[in-house]
Amino acid sequence: MKSIIIGREGCQIPENKEELDSLFRPMAENFGVRLTPDFVFEGNSDKTMDWLYMLVKSVGYGRVAIPTYVLYPDADHCDTIFVNIKNLDITESSPDLHADEIDWDKDGWLRLWWD
C-alpha cells in the first residue's frame, strides 16, 4: 500500500481488495460487526463498501486514496475519498459520484466529501 499527501490530507492508496478491506475492517470492528459489502462507512450519505468496490472497479486500484484517519482506533466513519481522475476514461458503469463537496487539485485528485 502506498502513502501519499493530497492537499493536507495523509492518505493510503490500496493496490488490491485485501488492502482496501484492511483499511476499513477496524472501523467495522468498532461497530461490533464484520466488514461486508453492505457495511456503511459514511452514514450521512449511506455510502457502503459495495459502492466503494464499484468505484474501485470502475477507476482501478491505485486511483482511489483513503484518508489515514480511518486507521485511528476510534474511527467511526470515512467522509472523504479521493479519486485520481487524470487521464481517466469514465464509462457508463461508473458509480454515482455525487457528494456534498467535490473539488480537485492540479495533480488530478478529485476530492469527494459528504457531510
PDB file of N, CA and C in Angstrom:
ATOM      1  N   MET A   1       0.845  -1.166   0.000  1.00  0.00           N
ATOM      2  CA  MET A   1       0.000   0.000   0.000  1.00  0.00           C
ATOM      3  C   MET A   1       0.895   1.235   0.000  1.00  0.00           C
ATOM      4  N   LYS A   2       0.534   2.210  -0.819  1.00  0.00           N
ATOM      5  CA  LYS A   2       1.311   3.434  -0.902  1.00  0.00           C
ATOM      6  C   LYS A   2       0.703   4.506  -0.003  1.00  0.00           C
ATOM      7  N   SER A   3       1.568   5.369   0.522  1.00  0.00           N
ATOM      8  CA  SER A   3       1.127   6.537   1.280  1.00  0.00           C
ATOM      9  C   SER A   3       1.351   7.776   0.430  1.00  0.00           C
ATOM     10  N   ILE A   4       0.465   8.754   0.564  1.00  0.00           N
ATOM     11  CA  ILE A   4       0.550   9.980  -0.230  1.00  0.00           C
ATOM     12  C   ILE A   4      -0.082  11.118   0.568  1.00  0.00           C
ATOM     13  N   ILE A   5       0.340  12.322   0.285  1.00  0.00           N
ATOM     14  CA  ILE A   5      -0.296  13.512   0.844  1.00  0.00           C
ATOM     15  C   ILE A   5      -1.070  14.172  -0.299  1.00  0.00           C
ATOM     16  N   ILE A   6      -2.361  14.408  -0.080  1.00  0.00           N
ATOM     17  CA  ILE A   6      -3.194  15.102  -1.060  1.00  0.00           C
ATOM     18  C   ILE A   6      -3.716  16.343  -0.342  1.00  0.00           C
ATOM     19  N   GLY A   7      -3.321  17.506  -0.839  1.00  0.00           N
ATOM     20  CA  GLY A   7      -3.619  18.727  -0.099  1.00  0.00           C
ATOM     21  C   GLY A   7      -2.882  18.660   1.219  1.00  0.00           C
ATOM     22  N   ARG A   8      -3.611  18.657   2.307  1.00  0.00           N
ATOM     23  CA  ARG A   8      -3.006  18.497   3.636  1.00  0.00           C
ATOM     24  C   ARG A   8      -3.343  17.142   4.244  1.00  0.00           C
ATOM     25  N   GLU A   9      -3.975  16.299   3.488  1.00  0.00           N
ATOM     26  CA  GLU A   9      -4.501  15.035   3.997  1.00  0.00           C
ATOM     27  C   GLU A   9      -3.564  13.872   3.714  1.00  0.00           C
ATOM     28  N   GLY A  10      -3.137  13.183   4.763  1.00  0.00           N
ATOM     29  CA  GLY A  10      -2.388  11.950   4.582  1.00  0.00           C
ATOM     30  C   GLY A  10      -3.337  10.862   4.129  1.00  0.00           C
ATOM     31  N   CYS A  11      -2.947  10.104   3.121  1.00  0.00           N
ATOM     32  CA  CYS A  11      -3.839   9.088   2.550  1.00  0.00           C
ATOM     33  C   CYS A  11      -3.080   7.793   2.283  1.00  0.00           C
ATOM     34  N   GLN A  12      -3.849   6.726   2.182  1.00  0.00           N
ATOM     35  CA  GLN A  12      -3.358   5.418   1.785  1.00  0.00           C
ATOM     36  C   GLN A  12      -3.986   5.064   0.447  1.00  0.00           C
ATOM     37  N   ILE A  13      -3.177   4.518  -0.444  1.00  0.00           N
ATOM     38  CA  ILE A  13      -3.682   4.075  -1.744  1.00  0.00           C
ATOM     39  C   ILE A  13      -3.587   2.554  -1.802  1.00  0.00           C
ATOM     40  N   PRO A  14      -4.713   1.879  -1.616  1.00  0.00           N
ATOM     41  CA  PRO A  14      -4.687   0.420  -1.675  1.00  0.00           C
ATOM     42  C   PRO A  14      -4.452  -0.072  -3.103  1.00  0.00           C
ATOM     43  N   GLU A  15      -3.696  -1.157  -3.206  1.00  0.00           N
ATOM     44  CA  GLU A  15      -3.370  -1.731  -4.516  1.00  0.00           C
ATOM     45  C   GLU A  15      -4.236  -2.936  -4.871  1.00  0.00           C
ATOM     46  N   ASN A  16      -5.049  -3.400  -3.904  1.00  0.00           N
ATOM     47  CA  ASN A  16      -5.924  -4.538  -4.155  1.00  0.00           C
ATOM     48  C   ASN A  16      -7.033  -4.556  -3.106  1.00  0.00           C
ATOM     49  N   LYS A  17      -7.981  -5.462  -3.262  1.00  0.00           N
ATOM     50  CA  LYS A  17      -9.140  -5.529  -2.366  1.00  0.00           C
ATOM     51  C   LYS A  17      -8.720  -5.833  -0.929  1.00  0.00           C
ATOM     52  N   GLU A  18      -7.738  -6.684  -0.749  1.00  0.00           N
ATOM     53  CA  GLU A  18      -7.294  -7.023   0.595  1.00  0.00           C
ATOM     54  C   GLU A  18      -6.782  -5.785   1.327  1.00  0.00           C
ATOM     55  N   GLU A  19      -6.009  -4.951   0.628  1.00  0.00           N
ATOM     56  CA  GLU A  19      -5.503  -3.731   1.251  1.00  0.00           C
ATOM     57  C   GLU A  19      -6.637  -2.749   1.528  1.00  0.00           C
ATOM     58  N   LEU A  20      -7.597  -2.648   0.615  1.00  0.00           N
ATOM     59  CA  LEU A  20      -8.743  -1.776   0.830  1.00  0.00           C
ATOM     60  C   LEU A  20      -9.527  -2.232   2.053  1.00  0.00           C
ATOM     61  N   ASP A  21      -9.806  -3.518   2.126  1.00  0.00           N
ATOM     62  CA  ASP A  21     -10.535  -4.059   3.274  1.00  0.00           C
ATOM     63  C   ASP A  21      -9.775  -3.836   4.572  1.00  0.00           C
ATOM     64  N   SER A  22      -8.455  -3.935   4.529  1.00  0.00           N
ATOM     65  CA  SER A  22      -7.670  -3.766   5.763  1.00  0.00           C
ATOM     66  C   SER A  22      -7.805  -2.357   6.325  1.00  0.00           C
ATOM     67  N   LEU A  23      -8.110  -1.382   5.473  1.00  0.00           N
ATOM     68  CA  LEU A  23      -8.315  -0.015   5.946  1.00  0.00           C
ATOM     69  C   LEU A  23      -9.641   0.137   6.689  1.00  0.00           C
ATOM     70  N   PHE A  24     -10.654  -0.580   6.255  1.00  0.00           N
ATOM     71  CA  PHE A  24     -11.999  -0.411   6.813  1.00  0.00           C
ATOM     72  C   PHE A  24     -12.387  -1.471   7.841  1.00  0.00           C
ATOM     73  N   ARG A  25     -11.668  -2.588   7.883  1.00  0.00           N
ATOM     74  CA  ARG A  25     -12.010  -3.652   8.827  1.00  0.00           C
ATOM     75  C   ARG A  25     -12.026  -3.174  10.278  1.00  0.00           C
ATOM     76  N   PRO A  26     -11.007  -2.406  10.733  1.00  0.00           N
ATOM     77  CA  PRO A  26     -11.051  -1.937  12.133  1.00  0.00           C
ATOM     78  C   PRO A  26     -12.276  -1.062  12.426  1.00  0.00           C
ATOM     79  N   MET A  27     -12.707  -0.280  11.453  1.00  0.00           N
ATOM     80  CA  MET A  27     -13.889   0.557  11.651  1.00  0.00           C
ATOM     81  C   MET A  27     -15.120  -0.318  11.863  1.00  0.00           C
ATOM     82  N   ALA A  28     -15.260  -1.344  11.043  1.00  0.00           N
ATOM     83  CA  ALA A  28     -16.388  -2.266  11.203  1.00  0.00           C
ATOM     84  C   ALA A  28     -16.337  -2.921  12.576  1.00  0.00           C
ATOM     85  N   GLU A  29     -15.141  -3.313  13.002  1.00  0.00           N
ATOM     86  CA  GLU A  29     -14.985  -3.938  14.315  1.00  0.00           C
ATOM     87  C   GLU A  29     -15.366  -2.978  15.438  1.00  0.00           C
ATOM     88  N   ASN A  30     -15.137  -1.661  15.226  1.00  0.00           N
ATOM     89  CA  ASN A  30     -15.560  -0.672  16.223  1.00  0.00           C
ATOM     90  C   ASN A  30     -17.069  -0.700  16.439  1.00  0.00           C
ATOM     91  N   PHE A  31     -17.813  -1.100  15.401  1.00  0.00           N
ATOM     92  CA  PHE A  31     -19.266  -1.213  15.492  1.00  0.00           C
ATOM     93  C   PHE A  31     -19.700  -2.620  15.921  1.00  0.00           C
ATOM     94  N   GLY A  32     -18.717  -3.499  16.110  1.00  0.00           N
ATOM     95  CA  GLY A  32     -19.034  -4.864  16.524  1.00  0.00           C
ATOM     96  C   GLY A  32     -19.586  -5.726  15.399  1.00  0.00           C
ATOM     97  N   VAL A  33     -19.236  -5.384  14.153  1.00  0.00           N
ATOM     98  CA  VAL A  33     -19.716  -6.159  13.005  1.00  0.00           C
ATOM     99  C   VAL A  33     -18.535  -6.559  12.129  1.00  0.00           C
ATOM    100  N   ARG A  34     -18.796  -7.489  11.222  1.00  0.00           N
ATOM    101  CA  ARG A  34     -17.783  -7.868  10.236  1.00  0.00           C
ATOM    102  C   ARG A  34     -17.862  -6.924   9.052  1.00  0.00           C
ATOM    103  N   LEU A  35     -16.755  -6.764   8.372  1.00  0.00           N
ATOM    104  CA  LEU A  35     -16.730  -5.951   7.155  1.00  0.00           C
ATOM    105  C   LEU A  35     -17.384  -6.745   6.038  1.00  0.00           C
ATOM    106  N   THR A  36     -18.496  -6.239   5.536  1.00  0.00           N
ATOM    107  CA  THR A  36     -19.239  -6.871   4.455  1.00  0.00           C
ATOM    108  C   THR A  36     -19.539  -5.806   3.400  1.00  0.00           C
ATOM    109  N   PRO A  37     -19.985  -6.202   2.206  1.00  0.00           N
ATOM    110  CA  PRO A  37     -20.302  -5.215   1.179  1.00  0.00           C
ATOM    111  C   PRO A  37     -21.357  -4.195   1.610  1.00  0.00           C
ATOM    112  N   ASP A  38     -22.250  -4.560   2.542  1.00  0.00           N
ATOM    113  CA  ASP A  38     -23.286  -3.612   2.953  1.00  0.00           C
ATOM    114  C   ASP A  38     -22.884  -2.772   4.165  1.00  0.00           C
ATOM    115  N   PHE A  39     -21.625  -2.877   4.615  1.00  0.00           N
ATOM    116  CA  PHE A  39     -21.163  -2.046   5.723  1.00  0.00           C
ATOM    117  C   PHE A  39     -21.168  -0.575   5.287  1.00  0.00           C
ATOM    118  N   VAL A  40     -21.818   0.288   6.065  1.00  0.00           N
ATOM    119  CA  VAL A  40     -21.910   1.719   5.770  1.00  0.00           C
ATOM    120  C   VAL A  40     -20.723   2.422   6.418  1.00  0.00           C
ATOM    121  N   PHE A  41     -19.825   2.970   5.584  1.00  0.00           N
ATOM    122  CA  PHE A  41     -18.662   3.666   6.129  1.00  0.00           C
ATOM    123  C   PHE A  41     -18.900   5.165   6.248  1.00  0.00           C
ATOM    124  N   GLU A  42     -19.967   5.684   5.640  1.00  0.00           N
ATOM    125  CA  GLU A  42     -20.322   7.100   5.742  1.00  0.00           C
ATOM    126  C   GLU A  42     -21.832   7.171   5.904  1.00  0.00           C
ATOM    127  N   GLY A  43     -22.264   7.390   7.142  1.00  0.00           N
ATOM    128  CA  GLY A  43     -23.673   7.267   7.474  1.00  0.00           C
ATOM    129  C   GLY A  43     -24.588   8.344   6.938  1.00  0.00           C
ATOM    130  N   ASN A  44     -24.113   9.572   6.797  1.00  0.00           N
ATOM    131  CA  ASN A  44     -24.994  10.649   6.327  1.00  0.00           C
ATOM    132  C   ASN A  44     -25.424  10.447   4.881  1.00  0.00           C
ATOM    133  N   SER A  45     -24.609   9.791   4.094  1.00  0.00           N
ATOM    134  CA  SER A  45     -24.964   9.560   2.691  1.00  0.00           C
ATOM    135  C   SER A  45     -25.153   8.077   2.384  1.00  0.00           C
ATOM    136  N   ASP A  46     -25.051   7.240   3.409  1.00  0.00           N
ATOM    137  CA  ASP A  46     -25.218   5.785   3.260  1.00  0.00           C
ATOM    138  C   ASP A  46     -24.273   5.173   2.242  1.00  0.00           C
ATOM    139  N   LYS A  47     -23.036   5.646   2.198  1.00  0.00           N
ATOM    140  CA  LYS A  47     -22.034   5.044   1.309  1.00  0.00           C
ATOM    141  C   LYS A  47     -21.578   3.717   1.927  1.00  0.00           C
ATOM    142  N   THR A  48     -21.689   2.674   1.127  1.00  0.00           N
ATOM    143  CA  THR A  48     -21.343   1.333   1.590  1.00  0.00           C
ATOM    144  C   THR A  48     -20.046   0.853   0.955  1.00  0.00           C
ATOM    145  N   MET A  49     -19.525  -0.227   1.503  1.00  0.00           N
ATOM    146  CA  MET A  49     -18.338  -0.836   0.910  1.00  0.00           C
ATOM    147  C   MET A  49     -18.643  -1.305  -0.502  1.00  0.00           C
ATOM    148  N   ASP A  50     -19.857  -1.752  -0.767  1.00  0.00           N
ATOM    149  CA  ASP A  50     -20.213  -2.176  -2.118  1.00  0.00           C
ATOM    150  C   ASP A  50     -20.062  -1.007  -3.097  1.00  0.00           C
ATOM    151  N   TRP A  51     -20.494   0.193  -2.706  1.00  0.00           N
ATOM    152  CA  TRP A  51     -20.317   1.377  -3.545  1.00  0.00           C
ATOM    153  C   TRP A  51     -18.829   1.622  -3.785  1.00  0.00           C
ATOM    154  N   LEU A  52     -18.028   1.501  -2.726  1.00  0.00           N
ATOM    155  CA  LEU A  52     -16.590   1.725  -2.853  1.00  0.00           C
ATOM    156  C   LEU A  52     -15.949   0.669  -3.753  1.00  0.00           C
ATOM    157  N   TYR A  53     -16.384  -0.595  -3.625  1.00  0.00           N
ATOM    158  CA  TYR A  53     -15.871  -1.652  -4.509  1.00  0.00           C
ATOM    159  C   TYR A  53     -16.199  -1.336  -5.973  1.00  0.00           C
ATOM    160  N   MET A  54     -17.411  -0.831  -6.228  1.00  0.00           N
ATOM    161  CA  MET A  54     -17.785  -0.481  -7.601  1.00  0.00           C
ATOM    162  C   MET A  54     -16.947   0.685  -8.113  1.00  0.00           C
ATOM    163  N   LEU A  55     -16.683   1.661  -7.241  1.00  0.00           N
ATOM    164  CA  LEU A  55     -15.847   2.786  -7.634  1.00  0.00           C
ATOM    165  C   LEU A  55     -14.453   2.308  -8.024  1.00  0.00           C
ATOM    166  N   VAL A  56     -13.861   1.470  -7.186  1.00  0.00           N
ATOM    167  CA  VAL A  56     -12.512   0.975  -7.472  1.00  0.00           C
ATOM    168  C   VAL A  56     -12.506   0.112  -8.728  1.00  0.00           C
ATOM    169  N   LYS A  57     -13.560  -0.672  -8.927  1.00  0.00           N
ATOM    170  CA  LYS A  57     -13.647  -1.484 -10.140  1.00  0.00           C
ATOM    171  C   LYS A  57     -13.701  -0.587 -11.377  1.00  0.00           C
ATOM    172  N   SER A  58     -14.394   0.554 -11.278  1.00  0.00           N
ATOM    173  CA  SER A  58     -14.535   1.472 -12.407  1.00  0.00           C
ATOM    174  C   SER A  58     -13.257   2.226 -12.728  1.00  0.00           C
ATOM    175  N   VAL A  59     -12.559   2.691 -11.691  1.00  0.00           N
ATOM    176  CA  VAL A  59     -11.392   3.551 -11.931  1.00  0.00           C
ATOM    177  C   VAL A  59     -10.068   2.818 -11.780  1.00  0.00           C
ATOM    178  N   GLY A  60     -10.067   1.707 -11.050  1.00  0.00           N
ATOM    179  CA  GLY A  60      -8.857   0.920 -10.864  1.00  0.00           C
ATOM    180  C   GLY A  60      -8.171   1.185  -9.533  1.00  0.00           C
ATOM    181  N   TYR A  61      -7.549   0.151  -9.008  1.00  0.00           N
ATOM    182  CA  TYR A  61      -6.742   0.308  -7.797  1.00  0.00           C
ATOM    183  C   TYR A  61      -5.580   1.227  -8.122  1.00  0.00           C
ATOM    184  N   GLY A  62      -5.129   1.950  -7.159  1.00  0.00           N
ATOM    185  CA  GLY A  62      -4.075   2.918  -7.384  1.00  0.00           C
ATOM    186  C   GLY A  62      -4.615   4.288  -7.742  1.00  0.00           C
ATOM    187  N   ARG A  63      -5.935   4.382  -7.993  1.00  0.00           N
ATOM    188  CA  ARG A  63      -6.572   5.664  -8.312  1.00  0.00           C
ATOM    189  C   ARG A  63      -7.500   6.132  -7.206  1.00  0.00           C
ATOM    190  N   VAL A  64      -7.651   5.352  -6.146  1.00  0.00           N
ATOM    191  CA  VAL A  64      -8.504   5.720  -5.031  1.00  0.00           C
ATOM    192  C   VAL A  64      -7.632   5.838  -3.790  1.00  0.00           C
ATOM    193  N   ALA A  65      -7.767   6.977  -3.099  1.00  0.00           N
ATOM    194  CA  ALA A  65      -6.987   7.218  -1.885  1.00  0.00           C
ATOM    195  C   ALA A  65      -7.944   7.401  -0.706  1.00  0.00           C
ATOM    196  N   ILE A  66      -7.597   6.768   0.401  1.00  0.00           N
ATOM    197  CA  ILE A  66      -8.414   6.806   1.608  1.00  0.00           C
ATOM    198  C   ILE A  66      -7.635   7.562   2.686  1.00  0.00           C
ATOM    199  N   PRO A  67      -8.244   8.574   3.324  1.00  0.00           N
ATOM    200  CA  PRO A  67      -7.537   9.309   4.374  1.00  0.00           C
ATOM    201  C   PRO A  67      -7.093   8.390   5.510  1.00  0.00           C
ATOM    202  N   THR A  68      -5.932   8.677   6.054  1.00  0.00           N
ATOM    203  CA  THR A  68      -5.383   7.811   7.103  1.00  0.00           C
ATOM    204  C   THR A  68      -6.176   7.864   8.403  1.00  0.00           C
ATOM    205  N   TYR A  69      -7.054   8.856   8.582  1.00  0.00           N
ATOM    206  CA  TYR A  69      -7.824   8.891   9.827  1.00  0.00           C
ATOM    207  C   TYR A  69      -8.730   7.679   9.988  1.00  0.00           C
ATOM    208  N   VAL A  70      -9.013   6.943   8.909  1.00  0.00           N
ATOM    209  CA  VAL A  70      -9.818   5.728   9.065  1.00  0.00           C
ATOM    210  C   VAL A  70      -9.059   4.673   9.870  1.00  0.00           C
ATOM    211  N   LEU A  71      -7.755   4.838  10.012  1.00  0.00           N
ATOM    212  CA  LEU A  71      -6.950   3.882  10.761  1.00  0.00           C
ATOM    213  C   LEU A  71      -6.922   4.177  12.254  1.00  0.00           C
ATOM    214  N   TYR A  72      -7.456   5.322  12.669  1.00  0.00           N
ATOM    215  CA  TYR A  72      -7.468   5.663  14.098  1.00  0.00           C
ATOM    216  C   TYR A  72      -8.285   4.623  14.852  1.00  0.00           C
ATOM    217  N   PRO A  73      -7.860   4.283  16.069  1.00  0.00           N
ATOM    218  CA  PRO A  73      -8.566   3.236  16.820  1.00  0.00           C
ATOM    219  C   PRO A  73     -10.056   3.498  17.029  1.00  0.00           C
ATOM    220  N   ASP A  74     -10.459   4.763  17.108  1.00  0.00           N
ATOM    221  CA  ASP A  74     -11.868   5.070  17.349  1.00  0.00           C
ATOM    222  C   ASP A  74     -12.615   5.535  16.090  1.00  0.00           C
ATOM    223  N   ALA A  75     -12.065   5.254  14.926  1.00  0.00           N
ATOM    224  CA  ALA A  75     -12.690   5.698  13.662  1.00  0.00           C
ATOM    225  C   ALA A  75     -14.088   5.105  13.529  1.00  0.00           C
ATOM    226  N   ASP A  76     -15.048   5.973  13.190  1.00  0.00           N
ATOM    227  CA  ASP A  76     -16.415   5.504  13.025  1.00  0.00           C
ATOM    228  C   ASP A  76     -17.045   5.937  11.699  1.00  0.00           C
ATOM    229  N   HIS A  77     -16.256   6.564  10.827  1.00  0.00           N
ATOM    230  CA  HIS A  77     -16.757   6.960   9.515  1.00  0.00           C
ATOM    231  C   HIS A  77     -15.586   7.342   8.610  1.00  0.00           C
ATOM    232  N   CYS A  78     -15.883   7.446   7.344  1.00  0.00           N
ATOM    233  CA  CYS A  78     -14.939   7.976   6.361  1.00  0.00           C
ATOM    234  C   CYS A  78     -15.751   8.890   5.460  1.00  0.00           C
ATOM    235  N   ASP A  79     -15.603  10.208   5.649  1.00  0.00           N
ATOM    236  CA  ASP A  79     -16.435  11.142   4.893  1.00  0.00           C
ATOM    237  C   ASP A  79     -15.714  11.783   3.709  1.00  0.00           C
ATOM    238  N   THR A  80     -14.499  11.316   3.422  1.00  0.00           N
ATOM    239  CA  THR A  80     -13.745  11.845   2.289  1.00  0.00           C
ATOM    240  C   THR A  80     -13.071  10.702   1.543  1.00  0.00           C
ATOM    241  N   ILE A  81     -13.170  10.742   0.228  1.00  0.00           N
ATOM    242  CA  ILE A  81     -12.467   9.787  -0.628  1.00  0.00           C
ATOM    243  C   ILE A  81     -11.869  10.603  -1.765  1.00  0.00           C
ATOM    244  N   PHE A  82     -10.664  10.240  -2.173  1.00  0.00           N
ATOM    245  CA  PHE A  82     -10.013  10.901  -3.290  1.00  0.00           C
ATOM    246  C   PHE A  82      -9.938   9.931  -4.465  1.00  0.00           C
ATOM    247  N   VAL A  83     -10.190  10.444  -5.670  1.00  0.00           N
ATOM    248  CA  VAL A  83     -10.109   9.636  -6.885  1.00  0.00           C
ATOM    249  C   VAL A  83      -9.215  10.375  -7.867  1.00  0.00           C
ATOM    250  N   ASN A  84      -8.200   9.697  -8.374  1.00  0.00           N
ATOM    251  CA  ASN A  84      -7.327  10.310  -9.370  1.00  0.00           C
ATOM    252  C   ASN A  84      -8.017  10.213 -10.721  1.00  0.00           C
ATOM    253  N   ILE A  85      -8.437  11.369 -11.242  1.00  0.00           N
ATOM    254  CA  ILE A  85      -9.179  11.385 -12.498  1.00  0.00           C
ATOM    255  C   ILE A  85      -8.313  11.778 -13.690  1.00  0.00           C
ATOM    256  N   LYS A  86      -7.038  11.967 -13.449  1.00  0.00           N
ATOM    257  CA  LYS A  86      -6.137  12.348 -14.537  1.00  0.00           C
ATOM    258  C   LYS A  86      -6.077  11.219 -15.568  1.00  0.00           C
ATOM    259  N   ASN A  87      -6.380  11.531 -16.815  1.00  0.00           N
ATOM    260  CA  ASN A  87      -6.378  10.568 -17.922  1.00  0.00           C
ATOM    261  C   ASN A  87      -7.331   9.397 -17.691  1.00  0.00           C
ATOM    262  N   LEU A  88      -8.389   9.638 -16.969  1.00  0.00           N
ATOM    263  CA  LEU A  88      -9.353   8.587 -16.670  1.00  0.00           C
ATOM    264  C   LEU A  88     -10.492   8.632 -17.674  1.00  0.00           C
ATOM    265  N   ASP A  89     -10.839   7.476 -18.224  1.00  0.00           N
ATOM    266  CA  ASP A  89     -11.962   7.352 -19.132  1.00  0.00           C
ATOM    267  C   ASP A  89     -13.170   6.884 -18.321  1.00  0.00           C
ATOM    268  N   ILE A  90     -14.083   7.799 -18.027  1.00  0.00           N
ATOM    269  CA  ILE A  90     -15.273   7.451 -17.257  1.00  0.00           C
ATOM    270  C   ILE A  90     -16.225   6.696 -18.178  1.00  0.00           C
ATOM    271  N   THR A  91     -16.694   5.557 -17.703  1.00  0.00           N
ATOM    272  CA  THR A  91     -17.581   4.713 -18.507  1.00  0.00           C
ATOM    273  C   THR A  91     -19.002   4.760 -17.965  1.00  0.00           C
ATOM    274  N   GLU A  92     -19.893   4.144 -18.694  1.00  0.00           N
ATOM    275  CA  GLU A  92     -21.286   4.075 -18.253  1.00  0.00           C
ATOM    276  C   GLU A  92     -21.421   3.308 -16.945  1.00  0.00           C
ATOM    277  N   SER A  93     -20.503   2.405 -16.660  1.00  0.00           N
ATOM    278  CA  SER A  93     -20.609   1.580 -15.463  1.00  0.00           C
ATOM    279  C   SER A  93     -20.036   2.259 -14.224  1.00  0.00           C
ATOM    280  N   SER A  94     -19.620   3.502 -14.342  1.00  0.00           N
ATOM    281  CA  SER A  94     -19.073   4.202 -13.194  1.00  0.00           C
ATOM    282  C   SER A  94     -20.166   4.447 -12.165  1.00  0.00           C
ATOM    283  N   PRO A  95     -19.832   4.324 -10.881  1.00  0.00           N
ATOM    284  CA  PRO A  95     -20.833   4.551  -9.834  1.00  0.00           C
ATOM    285  C   PRO A  95     -21.154   6.031  -9.696  1.00  0.00           C
ATOM    286  N   ASP A  96     -22.209   6.309  -8.980  1.00  0.00           N
ATOM    287  CA  ASP A  96     -22.639   7.682  -8.697  1.00  0.00           C
ATOM    288  C   ASP A  96     -21.544   8.398  -7.912  1.00  0.00           C
ATOM    289  N   LEU A  97     -21.060   9.512  -8.437  1.00  0.00           N
ATOM    290  CA  LEU A  97     -20.005  10.265  -7.767  1.00  0.00           C
ATOM    291  C   LEU A  97     -20.525  11.547  -7.157  1.00  0.00           C
ATOM    292  N   HIS A  98     -21.798  11.601  -6.817  1.00  0.00           N
ATOM    293  CA  HIS A  98     -22.342  12.778  -6.149  1.00  0.00           C
ATOM    294  C   HIS A  98     -21.811  12.861  -4.731  1.00  0.00           C
ATOM    295  N   ALA A  99     -21.507  14.081  -4.299  1.00  0.00           N
ATOM    296  CA  ALA A  99     -21.044  14.321  -2.938  1.00  0.00           C
ATOM    297  C   ALA A  99     -21.476  15.719  -2.533  1.00  0.00           C
ATOM    298  N   ASP A 100     -21.381  16.019  -1.236  1.00  0.00           N
ATOM    299  CA  ASP A 100     -21.736  17.355  -0.765  1.00  0.00           C
ATOM    300  C   ASP A 100     -20.724  18.391  -1.230  1.00  0.00           C
ATOM    301  N   GLU A 101     -19.474  18.001  -1.331  1.00  0.00           N
ATOM    302  CA  GLU A 101     -18.429  18.863  -1.878  1.00  0.00           C
ATOM    303  C   GLU A 101     -17.588  18.041  -2.840  1.00  0.00           C
ATOM    304  N   ILE A 102     -17.266  18.638  -3.978  1.00  0.00           N
ATOM    305  CA  ILE A 102     -16.383  17.999  -4.956  1.00  0.00           C
ATOM    306  C   ILE A 102     -15.389  19.054  -5.410  1.00  0.00           C
ATOM    307  N   ASP A 103     -14.118  18.742  -5.334  1.00  0.00           N
ATOM    308  CA  ASP A 103     -13.098  19.621  -5.887  1.00  0.00           C
ATOM    309  C   ASP A 103     -11.909  18.773  -6.292  1.00  0.00           C
ATOM    310  N   TRP A 104     -11.006  19.341  -7.065  1.00  0.00           N
ATOM    311  CA  TRP A 104      -9.837  18.589  -7.479  1.00  0.00           C
ATOM    312  C   TRP A 104      -8.613  19.478  -7.473  1.00  0.00           C
ATOM    313  N   ASP A 105      -7.450  18.823  -7.398  1.00  0.00           N
ATOM    314  CA  ASP A 105      -6.193  19.567  -7.375  1.00  0.00           C
ATOM    315  C   ASP A 105      -5.468  19.432  -8.707  1.00  0.00           C
ATOM    316  N   LYS A 106      -4.370  20.136  -8.844  1.00  0.00           N
ATOM    317  CA  LYS A 106      -3.626  20.177 -10.112  1.00  0.00           C
ATOM    318  C   LYS A 106      -3.039  18.825 -10.499  1.00  0.00           C
ATOM    319  N   ASP A 107      -2.909  17.904  -9.536  1.00  0.00           N
ATOM    320  CA  ASP A 107      -2.372  16.583  -9.835  1.00  0.00           C
ATOM    321  C   ASP A 107      -3.438  15.598 -10.300  1.00  0.00           C
ATOM    322  N   GLY A 108      -4.681  16.068 -10.380  1.00  0.00           N
ATOM    323  CA  GLY A 108      -5.748  15.214 -10.886  1.00  0.00           C
ATOM    324  C   GLY A 108      -6.536  14.470  -9.837  1.00  0.00           C
ATOM    325  N   TRP A 109      -6.338  14.761  -8.556  1.00  0.00           N
ATOM    326  CA  TRP A 109      -7.087  14.084  -7.496  1.00  0.00           C
ATOM    327  C   TRP A 109      -8.407  14.798  -7.269  1.00  0.00           C
ATOM    328  N   LEU A 110      -9.495  14.068  -7.448  1.00  0.00           N
ATOM    329  CA  LEU A 110     -10.836  14.556  -7.198  1.00  0.00           C
ATOM    330  C   LEU A 110     -11.178  14.220  -5.750  1.00  0.00           C
ATOM    331  N   ARG A 111     -11.617  15.220  -4.989  1.00  0.00           N
ATOM    332  CA  ARG A 111     -11.987  15.017  -3.577  1.00  0.00           C
ATOM    333  C   ARG A 111     -13.486  14.953  -3.481  1.00  0.00           C
ATOM    334  N   LEU A 112     -13.999  13.839  -2.950  1.00  0.00           N
ATOM    335  CA  LEU A 112     -15.430  13.666  -2.680  1.00  0.00           C
ATOM    336  C   LEU A 112     -15.608  13.743  -1.172  1.00  0.00           C
ATOM    337  N   TRP A 113     -16.496  14.634  -0.719  1.00  0.00           N
ATOM    338  CA  TRP A 113     -16.721  14.798   0.720  1.00  0.00           C
ATOM    339  C   TRP A 113     -18.204  14.818   0.989  1.00  0.00           C
ATOM    340  N   TRP A 114     -18.615  14.085   2.028  1.00  0.00           N
ATOM    341  CA  TRP A 114     -20.016  14.032   2.441  1.00  0.00           C
ATOM    342  C   TRP A 114     -20.144  14.596   3.842  1.00  0.00           C
ATOM    343  N   ASP A 115     -21.184  15.378   4.068  1.00  0.00           N
ATOM    344  CA  ASP A 115     -21.445  15.970   5.373  1.00  0.00           C
ATOM    345  C   ASP A 115     -22.184  14.979   6.244  1.00  0.00           C
TER     346      ASP A 115
END
